[in-house]
C-alpha atoms as a PDB file:
ATOM      1  CA  MET A   1       0.000   0.000   0.000  1.00  0.00           C
ATOM      2  CA  PRO A   2       1.332   3.451  -0.828  1.00  0.00           C
ATOM      3  CA  TYR A   3       2.224   5.701   2.106  1.00  0.00           C
ATOM      4  CA  ASP A   4      -0.325   8.385   2.953  1.00  0.00           C
ATOM      5  CA  GLU A   5       0.734  11.260   5.208  1.00  0.00           C
ATOM      6  CA  ASN A   6      -2.848  11.676   6.444  1.00  0.00           C
ATOM      7  CA  GLU A   7      -3.054   8.164   7.849  1.00  0.00           C
ATOM      8  CA  ASN A   8      -2.728   7.833  11.587  1.00  0.00           C
ATOM      9  CA  LYS A   9      -0.395   5.109  12.829  1.00  0.00           C
ATOM     10  CA  ARG A  10      -1.849   5.316  16.336  1.00  0.00           C
ATOM     11  CA  SER A  11      -5.552   5.333  15.587  1.00  0.00           C
ATOM     12  CA  TYR A  12      -7.620   2.863  17.571  1.00  0.00           C
ATOM     13  CA  HIS A  13     -10.192   0.633  15.875  1.00  0.00           C
ATOM     14  CA  MET A  14     -12.363  -2.027  17.494  1.00  0.00           C
ATOM     15  CA  CYS A  15     -13.625  -4.836  15.277  1.00  0.00           C
ATOM     16  CA  ASP A  16     -16.803  -6.058  16.960  1.00  0.00           C
ATOM     17  CA  CYS A  17     -17.146  -8.884  14.494  1.00  0.00           C
ATOM     18  CA  CYS A  18     -13.740 -10.396  15.281  1.00  0.00           C
ATOM     19  CA  ASP A  19     -13.540  -9.018  18.822  1.00  0.00           C
ATOM     20  CA  ARG A  20     -10.125  -7.487  18.143  1.00  0.00           C
ATOM     21  CA  ILE A  21      -8.483  -4.118  18.638  1.00  0.00           C
ATOM     22  CA  ILE A  22      -6.565  -2.802  15.633  1.00  0.00           C
ATOM     23  CA  ILE A  23      -4.127   0.089  15.979  1.00  0.00           C
ATOM     24  CA  GLY A  24      -3.302   2.096  12.859  1.00  0.00           C
ATOM     25  CA  ASP A  25      -5.252   3.041   9.762  1.00  0.00           C
ATOM     26  CA  ARG A  26      -3.152   0.869   7.450  1.00  0.00           C
ATOM     27  CA  GLU A  27      -3.554  -2.141   9.729  1.00  0.00           C
ATOM     28  CA  TRP A  28      -7.304  -1.491   9.946  1.00  0.00           C
ATOM     29  CA  ALA A  29      -7.618  -1.388   6.157  1.00  0.00           C
ATOM     30  CA  ALA A  30      -5.671  -4.646   5.917  1.00  0.00           C
ATOM     31  CA  HIS A  31      -7.824  -6.260   8.618  1.00  0.00           C
ATOM     32  CA  ILE A  32     -11.090  -5.299   6.884  1.00  0.00           C
ATOM     33  CA  LYS A  33      -9.891  -7.060   3.721  1.00  0.00           C
ATOM     34  CA  SER A  34      -8.428 -10.070   5.528  1.00  0.00           C
ATOM     35  CA  LYS A  35      -9.697 -13.596   5.052  1.00  0.00           C
ATOM     36  CA  SER A  36     -10.323 -14.121   8.771  1.00  0.00           C
ATOM     37  CA  HIS A  37     -12.426 -10.935   9.077  1.00  0.00           C
ATOM     38  CA  LEU A  38     -14.493 -11.773   6.002  1.00  0.00           C
ATOM     39  CA  HIS A  39     -15.071 -15.286   7.352  1.00  0.00           C
ATOM     40  CA  GLN A  40     -16.238 -13.928  10.735  1.00  0.00           C
ATOM     41  CA  LEU A  41     -18.483 -11.399   8.993  1.00  0.00           C
ATOM     42  CA  LYS A  42     -20.086 -14.118   6.854  1.00  0.00           C
ATOM     43  CA  LYS A  43     -20.570 -16.300   9.943  1.00  0.00           C
ATOM     44  CA  LYS A  44     -22.189 -13.445  11.881  1.00  0.00           C
ATOM     45  CA  ARG A  45     -24.584 -12.617   9.022  1.00  0.00           C
ATOM     46  CA  ARG A  46     -25.580 -16.279   8.701  1.00  0.00           C
ATOM     47  CA  LEU A  47     -26.318 -16.503  12.440  1.00  0.00           C
ATOM     48  CA  GLU A  48     -28.359 -13.294  12.346  1.00  0.00           C
ATOM     49  CA  SER A  49     -30.428 -14.473   9.381  1.00  0.00           C
ATOM     50  CA  ASN A  50     -31.064 -17.800  11.124  1.00  0.00           C
ATOM     51  CA  ALA A  51     -32.231 -15.937  14.237  1.00  0.00           C
ATOM     52  CA  VAL A  52     -34.590 -13.758  12.178  1.00  0.00           C
ATOM     53  CA  ASN A  53     -36.002 -16.822  10.407  1.00  0.00           C
ATOM     54  CA  ALA A  54     -36.523 -18.569  13.752  1.00  0.00           C
ATOM     55  CA  ARG A  55     -38.352 -15.546  15.183  1.00  0.00           C
ATOM     56  CA  GLU A  56     -40.565 -15.314  12.105  1.00  0.00           C
ATOM     57  CA  SER A  57     -41.475 -18.984  12.263  1.00  0.00           C
ATOM     58  CA  GLN A  58     -42.305 -18.680  15.972  1.00  0.00           C
ATOM     59  CA  SER A  59     -44.539 -15.684  15.399  1.00  0.00           C
ATOM     60  CA  ILE A  60     -46.361 -17.407  12.539  1.00  0.00           C
ATOM     61  CA  SER A  61     -46.951 -20.805  14.135  1.00  0.00           C
ATOM     62  CA  PRO A  62     -49.406 -19.738  16.915  1.00  0.00           C
ATOM     63  CA  ASP A  63     -51.623 -18.078  14.312  1.00  0.00           C
ATOM     64  CA  CYS A  64     -51.544 -21.164  12.108  1.00  0.00           C
ATOM     65  CA  ASP A  65     -52.366 -23.376  15.081  1.00  0.00           C
ATOM     66  CA  ARG A  66     -55.332 -21.166  15.959  1.00  0.00           C
ATOM     67  CA  GLU A  67     -56.608 -21.265  12.376  1.00  0.00           C
ATOM     68  CA  LEU A  68     -56.298 -25.033  12.281  1.00  0.00           C
ATOM     69  CA  LYS A  69     -58.294 -25.335  15.494  1.00  0.00           C
ATOM     70  CA  GLU A  70     -60.989 -22.969  14.209  1.00  0.00           C
ATOM     71  CA  LYS A  71     -61.309 -24.616  10.800  1.00  0.00           C
ATOM     72  CA  GLY A  72     -60.529 -28.128  11.923  1.00  0.00           C
ATOM     73  CA  CYS A  73     -57.729 -30.256  10.614  1.00  0.00           C
ATOM     74  CA  PRO A  74     -58.384 -32.794   7.907  1.00  0.00           C
ATOM     75  CA  GLY A  75     -58.923 -36.132   9.580  1.00  0.00           C
ATOM     76  CA  GLN A  76     -60.566 -34.733  12.710  1.00  0.00           C
ATOM     77  CA  ASN A  77     -64.016 -36.074  13.381  1.00  0.00           C
ATOM     78  CA  ASP A  78     -66.886 -34.003  14.834  1.00  0.00           C
ATOM     79  CA  ALA A  79     -66.329 -35.303  18.375  1.00  0.00           C
ATOM     80  CA  GLU A  80     -62.711 -34.092  18.342  1.00  0.00           C
ATOM     81  CA  LEU A  81     -63.796 -30.690  17.007  1.00  0.00           C
ATOM     82  CA  ILE A  82     -66.396 -30.296  19.771  1.00  0.00           C
ATOM     83  CA  CYS A  83     -63.886 -31.270  22.479  1.00  0.00           C
ATOM     84  CA  SER A  84     -61.216 -28.919  21.165  1.00  0.00           C
ATOM     85  CA  THR A  85     -63.445 -25.815  21.263  1.00  0.00           C
END
C-alpha cells in the first residue's frame, strides 16, 4: 500500500465482528480485507439471518395453530372438534 501522510499510525479501531483491537489506519484497512475478518463477517450474518427466520417462524406458528383449530384439521371427526373448542 502506498504511504499516505494523512493516515494515523496510532488510531484505535475495534472490530466487533472479530472481537479485536486494531491500531493504525493501514492495519485497519488490511484487517477489513483479511480472510479471517471476512469469514467472521459471513458467519455473523448467517447466524443473524437464522435468528430472524426462527423468530418469524415462531410468530407465525401460533396463528396457524389457531386457524387449524378454528377450521378443523383434515382427519378430525366431529367429536374431536367439539372437544377442542
